[in-house]
Amino acid sequence: MMTYALPESYNRSKSRIDKFLSLCGSHSLAYHSLQPELSHFQTKTGYLAYIDFQNETIVLGDPISGAENAKELVLQFLQFRPQCSFIQVSRKTCELLAELDFTINHFGVESQIDLPFNITGKQKKEVRLLVNAAIRNNISVREILKREELFYLTSYKTQNKNNRFRFGLHADEFSFLARPINDTDEKDVRIFGGFQNNRLVNYSLFDPMYYQDKIIGYAEVISRQIDHSPKGGRAYTLIQAMHKFTDEKIQFVNIGLLPFYKQVIDVNDFKGKSNSLIDMIFSGLYNSSPLVSNFSGLSFHKSRYRGNLLPRYFATNSKRPYKALLSIFKLTTGKWLPRIHF
């Protein structure tokens, strides 16, 4: 078999990306920027992860840079791609984009849980019920250290044909906003599994979130279970993982996006212009649950942990903002339009 050495310039480029990620990759999508189909716009102070698709340029998440360098990085990128869209970005990023005449629309919130976490109090009653159900169902949780072990535990050899994982490792994977699972081990990525009678019934994958060369948090980016999974397994696995992270002095766990969720109203919101039709589309998608997708159910599940809700936005100066949104949906799900469930 012939092999080809990567050019030295590629290795230098990847080395810089790894360096900036380790220094400044503190938002939940930072590790997503390593997806192989993404491009990276780099300067001496950081980078942006983006993709060109169907004549639209989509930037994924906040700049991977220090806060003091973010504006200059964005300005340089706009010289390279004058028309583009930013998806799932923070208020700080939107403030500088609003100054550059981007339209800004609320895209949802992320739930971020400070550690240590406990399940006491009236507001966490639903979580306690799930934990108690998992204990009654004899669920135990442990860390899965190798991807090879996860492949074996989720294979057809170990799973009943009528009770397999809903999203197998080799099934069609989501990407972009929801990164796919890789075939090989990934640096600092953690996997925890829920087991019943020594059989894997659910697992969660956590991406690291970095600051100044240290892991300060984890983002739960993949959570899967078998069909007819025992009640409470995924919640119990998350909580046991958070206990482990607490022992390691980790500060928080981000459990991901609540799409189109608007319960949090920022009274000090910046005065950027918005697209009222996009607001109507987002609201319609949320209220269409479960006809299109169960966004409200997902929001209920994640909100019951009572984490800090962090607003996230869609910002664009594209002449075709609706096409940009369709492109994001296609990149993430592999489909141009949502499937209707009757």
Protein backbone atom coordinates (compact mmCIF):
# COMPACT_ATOMS: atom_id res chain seq x y z
CA MET A 1 0.00 0.00 0.00
CA MET A 2 1.33 3.43 -0.92
CA THR A 3 1.35 6.10 1.79
CA TYR A 4 1.61 9.84 1.42
CA ALA A 5 3.16 12.24 3.89
CA LEU A 6 1.13 15.31 4.75
CA PRO A 7 2.86 18.56 3.82
CA GLU A 8 4.66 20.33 6.63
CA SER A 9 2.36 23.34 6.20
CA TYR A 10 -0.65 21.12 7.08
CA ASN A 11 1.00 19.91 10.27
CA ARG A 12 1.88 23.48 11.28
CA SER A 13 -1.71 24.58 10.58
CA LYS A 14 -3.19 21.75 12.65
CA SER A 15 -0.74 22.48 15.45
CA ARG A 16 -1.93 26.10 15.62
CA ILE A 17 -5.58 25.02 15.67
CA ASP A 18 -4.88 22.62 18.54
CA LYS A 19 -3.04 25.39 20.38
CA PHE A 20 -5.88 27.92 20.04
CA LEU A 21 -8.47 25.28 20.96
CA SER A 22 -6.58 24.44 24.15
CA LEU A 23 -6.18 28.12 25.04
CA CYS A 24 -9.60 29.51 24.07
CA GLY A 25 -11.99 26.64 23.28
CA SER A 26 -14.37 27.36 26.15
CA HIS A 27 -17.71 27.29 24.32
CA SER A 28 -19.77 24.16 23.69
CA LEU A 29 -19.12 23.98 19.94
CA ALA A 30 -15.36 24.55 20.14
CA TYR A 31 -14.49 20.86 19.79
CA HIS A 32 -16.98 20.61 16.91
CA SER A 33 -14.59 22.85 14.96
CA LEU A 34 -12.35 19.79 14.43
CA GLN A 35 -14.90 18.13 12.12
CA PRO A 36 -12.92 17.23 8.97
CA GLU A 37 -15.36 18.82 6.53
CA LEU A 38 -14.89 22.26 8.11
CA SER A 39 -12.38 24.86 7.00
CA HIS A 40 -10.46 27.15 9.35
CA PHE A 41 -9.73 30.82 8.89
CA GLN A 42 -6.62 31.44 10.96
CA THR A 43 -4.77 34.49 12.16
CA LYS A 44 -1.99 34.87 14.69
CA THR A 45 -4.55 35.22 17.48
CA GLY A 46 -7.19 32.56 16.75
CA TYR A 47 -9.45 30.96 14.17
CA LEU A 48 -13.02 30.59 12.91
CA ALA A 49 -14.48 27.26 11.78
CA TYR A 50 -16.67 27.60 8.70
CA ILE A 51 -18.00 25.76 5.68
CA ASP A 52 -18.88 26.90 2.13
CA PHE A 53 -22.04 25.12 1.03
CA GLN A 54 -24.43 25.88 -1.82
CA ASN A 55 -22.92 29.36 -2.26
CA GLU A 56 -23.45 30.13 1.43
CA THR A 57 -20.71 30.56 4.02
CA ILE A 58 -21.68 29.34 7.49
CA VAL A 59 -19.51 29.99 10.56
CA LEU A 60 -19.94 27.48 13.38
CA GLY A 61 -20.05 29.01 16.86
CA ASP A 62 -17.99 31.77 18.43
CA PRO A 63 -14.45 32.70 17.39
CA ILE A 64 -11.78 30.48 18.97
CA SER A 65 -9.68 33.34 20.31
CA GLY A 66 -9.25 35.57 23.30
CA ALA A 67 -12.10 38.05 23.81
CA GLU A 68 -9.75 40.95 23.09
CA ASN A 69 -8.94 39.52 19.63
CA ALA A 70 -12.40 38.37 18.53
CA LYS A 71 -13.44 41.56 16.74
CA GLU A 72 -10.26 41.81 14.68
CA LEU A 73 -10.55 38.13 13.77
CA VAL A 74 -14.13 38.63 12.55
CA LEU A 75 -13.19 41.76 10.60
CA GLN A 76 -10.39 39.92 8.82
CA PHE A 77 -12.71 37.03 8.04
CA LEU A 78 -15.27 39.41 6.51
CA GLN A 79 -12.62 40.66 4.13
CA PHE A 80 -12.22 37.02 3.06
CA ARG A 81 -15.96 36.17 3.04
CA PRO A 82 -17.93 39.46 2.99
CA GLN A 83 -21.33 37.71 3.10
CA CYS A 84 -21.82 34.93 5.62
CA SER A 85 -23.88 33.62 8.52
CA PHE A 86 -22.94 32.71 12.10
CA ILE A 87 -24.89 29.98 13.87
CA GLN A 88 -25.28 29.27 17.61
CA VAL A 89 -23.16 32.21 18.76
CA SER A 90 -23.14 34.06 22.07
CA ARG A 91 -24.38 37.55 22.83
CA LYS A 92 -20.83 38.95 22.85
CA THR A 93 -20.26 37.78 19.29
CA CYS A 94 -23.65 39.12 18.23
CA GLU A 95 -22.89 42.53 19.73
CA LEU A 96 -19.94 42.99 17.41
CA LEU A 97 -21.84 41.49 14.44
CA ALA A 98 -24.74 43.88 15.08
CA GLU A 99 -22.28 46.77 14.78
CA LEU A 100 -21.39 45.37 11.34
CA ASP A 101 -25.03 45.48 10.18
CA PHE A 102 -25.84 41.77 10.62
CA THR A 103 -29.41 40.77 11.41
CA ILE A 104 -29.67 38.87 14.69
CA ASN A 105 -32.29 36.27 15.63
CA HIS A 106 -32.63 34.31 18.85
CA PHE A 107 -31.80 30.64 18.08
CA GLY A 108 -32.39 29.10 21.50
CA VAL A 109 -30.47 28.65 24.74
CA GLU A 110 -27.81 26.30 26.02
CA SER A 111 -28.15 24.75 29.47
CA GLN A 112 -24.92 24.86 31.49
CA ILE A 113 -24.82 23.19 34.91
CA ASP A 114 -22.42 24.42 37.57
CA LEU A 115 -20.61 21.70 39.54
CA PRO A 116 -21.07 20.25 42.06
CA PHE A 117 -24.62 19.29 41.12
CA ASN A 118 -27.29 17.96 43.48
CA ILE A 119 -30.88 16.81 42.99
CA THR A 120 -32.37 18.36 46.10
CA GLY A 121 -35.19 20.91 46.05
CA LYS A 122 -38.67 21.15 44.61
CA GLN A 123 -37.48 22.32 41.18
CA LYS A 124 -35.49 19.12 40.61
CA LYS A 125 -38.27 16.72 41.51
CA GLU A 126 -38.42 15.36 37.93
CA VAL A 127 -34.69 14.59 37.99
CA ARG A 128 -35.03 12.77 41.33
CA LEU A 129 -37.83 10.64 39.89
CA LEU A 130 -35.58 9.62 36.98
CA VAL A 131 -32.67 8.80 39.29
CA ASN A 132 -34.90 6.71 41.55
CA ALA A 133 -36.29 4.88 38.51
CA ALA A 134 -32.76 4.10 37.29
CA ILE A 135 -31.79 2.72 40.70
CA ARG A 136 -34.92 0.53 40.78
CA ASN A 137 -33.98 -0.70 37.29
CA ASN A 138 -30.51 -1.70 38.54
CA ILE A 139 -28.67 0.73 36.28
CA SER A 140 -24.97 1.10 36.98
CA VAL A 141 -22.67 3.64 35.35
CA ARG A 142 -19.02 3.43 34.41
CA GLU A 143 -16.64 5.19 32.07
CA ILE A 144 -15.89 3.56 28.71
CA LEU A 145 -12.23 4.27 28.09
CA LYS A 146 -11.79 3.05 24.50
CA ARG A 147 -13.85 3.64 21.39
CA GLU A 148 -13.19 0.03 20.43
CA GLU A 149 -15.02 -1.11 23.57
CA LEU A 150 -17.98 1.13 22.72
CA PHE A 151 -18.13 -0.41 19.23
CA TYR A 152 -18.27 -3.86 20.74
CA LEU A 153 -20.88 -2.96 23.37
CA THR A 154 -23.20 -1.44 20.74
CA SER A 155 -22.63 -4.12 18.09
CA TYR A 156 -25.23 -6.56 16.84
CA LYS A 157 -23.34 -9.30 18.66
CA THR A 158 -24.19 -7.82 22.05
CA GLN A 159 -27.60 -6.26 21.35
CA ASN A 160 -30.92 -8.07 21.03
CA LYS A 161 -32.25 -7.62 17.49
CA ASN A 162 -35.50 -6.15 18.85
CA ASN A 163 -33.79 -3.82 21.32
CA ARG A 164 -30.87 -2.06 19.66
CA PHE A 165 -29.53 1.44 19.85
CA ARG A 166 -31.75 3.93 18.05
CA PHE A 167 -28.75 5.50 16.38
CA GLY A 168 -26.14 2.82 15.79
CA LEU A 169 -22.51 3.72 15.43
CA HIS A 170 -22.62 3.00 11.72
CA ALA A 171 -25.99 4.55 10.98
CA ASP A 172 -26.40 7.93 9.32
CA GLU A 173 -24.89 10.48 11.67
CA PHE A 174 -25.83 14.11 12.22
CA SER A 175 -22.97 16.55 11.75
CA PHE A 176 -22.11 20.26 11.89
CA LEU A 177 -24.33 21.48 14.77
CA ALA A 178 -24.42 17.96 16.22
CA ARG A 179 -21.08 16.38 15.53
CA PRO A 180 -20.86 12.70 14.59
CA ILE A 181 -19.09 10.08 16.66
CA ASN A 182 -15.65 9.17 15.33
CA ASP A 183 -14.30 5.68 14.77
CA THR A 184 -11.12 6.37 16.74
CA ASP A 185 -10.32 7.67 20.21
CA GLU A 186 -10.27 11.47 20.50
CA LYS A 187 -8.08 13.51 22.81
CA ASP A 188 -9.77 14.39 26.14
CA VAL A 189 -13.21 13.14 24.99
CA ARG A 190 -15.01 11.10 27.67
CA ILE A 191 -17.72 8.42 27.35
CA PHE A 192 -19.92 7.14 30.17
CA GLY A 193 -22.29 4.20 29.81
CA GLY A 194 -25.36 3.02 31.67
CA PHE A 195 -25.51 -0.76 32.13
CA GLN A 196 -28.31 -3.12 33.14
CA ASN A 197 -27.24 -6.68 33.94
CA ASN A 198 -23.83 -5.96 32.38
CA ARG A 199 -25.43 -4.88 29.10
CA LEU A 200 -25.02 -1.34 27.76
CA VAL A 201 -28.42 0.38 27.55
CA ASN A 202 -27.33 4.01 27.05
CA TYR A 203 -24.21 6.13 26.73
CA SER A 204 -23.18 9.78 26.66
CA LEU A 205 -20.15 11.37 25.04
CA PHE A 206 -18.60 14.54 26.49
CA ASP A 207 -16.36 16.97 24.60
CA PRO A 208 -13.79 18.97 26.58
CA MET A 209 -14.10 22.74 27.01
CA TYR A 210 -10.76 24.46 27.48
CA TYR A 211 -9.30 27.65 28.90
CA GLN A 212 -5.60 28.44 29.24
CA ASP A 213 -4.53 24.85 28.50
CA LYS A 214 -6.85 23.38 31.13
CA ILE A 215 -10.15 21.52 30.86
CA ILE A 216 -12.68 23.68 32.69
CA GLY A 217 -15.86 21.96 31.54
CA TYR A 218 -17.42 19.26 29.41
CA ALA A 219 -20.19 19.42 26.81
CA GLU A 220 -22.55 16.46 26.49
CA VAL A 221 -22.73 16.24 22.70
CA ILE A 222 -24.04 12.71 22.11
CA SER A 223 -26.57 10.82 24.23
CA ARG A 224 -28.07 7.57 22.96
CA GLN A 225 -30.09 4.68 24.28
CA ILE A 226 -31.53 1.38 23.12
CA ASP A 227 -35.16 1.06 22.08
CA HIS A 228 -37.33 0.42 25.13
CA SER A 229 -34.53 1.68 27.35
CA PRO A 230 -35.03 1.43 31.13
CA LYS A 231 -36.47 4.65 32.55
CA GLY A 232 -33.98 7.07 34.01
CA GLY A 233 -30.86 5.57 32.47
CA ARG A 234 -29.65 8.61 30.55
CA ALA A 235 -30.32 11.03 33.42
CA TYR A 236 -28.56 8.76 35.90
CA THR A 237 -25.57 8.40 33.56
CA LEU A 238 -25.29 12.18 33.21
CA ILE A 239 -25.45 12.71 36.96
CA GLN A 240 -22.86 10.03 37.71
CA ALA A 241 -20.56 11.56 35.08
CA MET A 242 -21.01 14.97 36.74
CA HIS A 243 -20.03 13.47 40.12
CA LYS A 244 -16.84 12.14 38.50
CA PHE A 245 -16.10 15.53 36.94
CA THR A 246 -16.65 17.22 40.29
CA ASP A 247 -13.97 14.99 41.82
CA GLU A 248 -11.65 16.19 39.04
CA LYS A 249 -12.34 19.87 39.86
CA ILE A 250 -14.25 20.50 36.63
CA GLN A 251 -16.34 23.69 36.85
CA PHE A 252 -19.43 22.92 34.74
CA VAL A 253 -21.16 20.64 32.25
CA ASN A 254 -22.99 22.01 29.21
CA ILE A 255 -25.88 19.73 28.18
CA GLY A 256 -26.45 21.43 24.86
CA LEU A 257 -28.92 23.54 22.94
CA LEU A 258 -32.63 23.95 23.61
CA PRO A 259 -33.52 24.92 20.02
CA PHE A 260 -35.80 27.95 19.59
CA TYR A 261 -36.47 28.04 23.35
CA LYS A 262 -37.32 31.63 24.38
CA GLN A 263 -38.20 31.46 28.05
CA VAL A 264 -35.12 33.50 28.93
CA ILE A 265 -35.60 37.15 28.02
CA ASP A 266 -32.49 39.31 28.19
CA VAL A 267 -33.82 42.71 29.27
CA ASN A 268 -30.47 44.26 28.40
CA ASP A 269 -30.42 42.73 24.95
CA PHE A 270 -28.41 44.64 22.36
CA LYS A 271 -30.38 46.77 19.92
CA GLY A 272 -29.52 44.92 16.73
CA LYS A 273 -31.96 44.52 13.88
CA SER A 274 -33.74 41.19 13.52
CA ASN A 275 -35.62 39.41 10.76
CA SER A 276 -39.25 39.07 11.86
CA LEU A 277 -39.96 36.27 9.37
CA ILE A 278 -37.06 34.19 10.73
CA ASP A 279 -38.44 34.77 14.24
CA MET A 280 -41.80 33.44 13.02
CA ILE A 281 -40.11 30.39 11.44
CA PHE A 282 -38.23 29.58 14.65
CA SER A 283 -41.34 30.04 16.76
CA GLY A 284 -43.35 27.89 14.38
CA LEU A 285 -40.78 25.09 14.51
CA TYR A 286 -40.80 25.11 18.31
CA ASN A 287 -44.59 25.11 18.51
CA SER A 288 -44.92 22.41 15.84
CA SER A 289 -43.62 19.73 18.24
CA PRO A 290 -43.93 16.81 17.80
CA LEU A 291 -45.30 17.15 14.25
CA VAL A 292 -41.91 18.21 12.83
CA SER A 293 -39.50 17.44 15.64
CA ASN A 294 -39.95 17.33 19.39
CA PHE A 295 -38.16 20.60 20.21
CA SER A 296 -40.46 21.36 23.15
CA GLY A 297 -39.91 17.89 24.60
CA LEU A 298 -36.16 18.27 24.29
CA SER A 299 -36.36 21.66 25.99
CA PHE A 300 -38.42 20.22 28.85
CA HIS A 301 -35.91 17.40 29.36
CA LYS A 302 -32.89 19.71 29.49
CA SER A 303 -34.52 22.52 31.46
CA ARG A 304 -35.44 20.28 34.41
CA TYR A 305 -31.77 20.18 35.48
CA ARG A 306 -32.14 23.91 36.25
CA GLY A 307 -28.84 24.88 34.66
CA ASN A 308 -27.84 28.38 33.65
CA LEU A 309 -29.59 29.22 30.38
CA LEU A 310 -27.24 30.91 27.91
CA PRO A 311 -28.90 32.66 24.92
CA ARG A 312 -27.61 31.68 21.48
CA TYR A 313 -28.23 33.42 18.16
CA PHE A 314 -28.26 33.19 14.38
CA ALA A 315 -26.59 36.19 12.74
CA THR A 316 -26.38 36.86 9.02
CA ASN A 317 -25.66 39.47 6.38
CA SER A 318 -26.42 37.02 3.57
CA LYS A 319 -28.65 38.20 0.74
CA ARG A 320 -30.38 34.80 1.03
CA PRO A 321 -30.84 34.24 4.79
CA TYR A 322 -33.55 31.60 4.29
CA LYS A 323 -31.27 29.60 2.02
CA ALA A 324 -28.55 29.89 4.67
CA LEU A 325 -30.95 28.37 7.22
CA LEU A 326 -31.86 25.55 4.83
CA SER A 327 -28.15 24.94 4.27
CA ILE A 328 -27.57 24.67 8.03
CA PHE A 329 -30.44 22.17 8.31
CA LYS A 330 -29.06 20.14 5.39
CA LEU A 331 -25.52 20.16 6.81
CA THR A 332 -26.80 18.99 10.19
CA THR A 333 -29.44 16.40 9.27
CA GLY A 334 -28.58 15.46 5.70
CA LYS A 335 -32.05 16.64 4.59
CA TRP A 336 -33.27 19.90 3.06
CA LEU A 337 -36.57 19.94 4.93
CA PRO A 338 -37.85 18.52 8.24
CA ARG A 339 -39.73 15.25 8.11
CA ILE A 340 -43.39 15.54 9.04
CA HIS A 341 -44.59 12.95 11.60
CA PHE A 342 -48.26 12.03 11.26
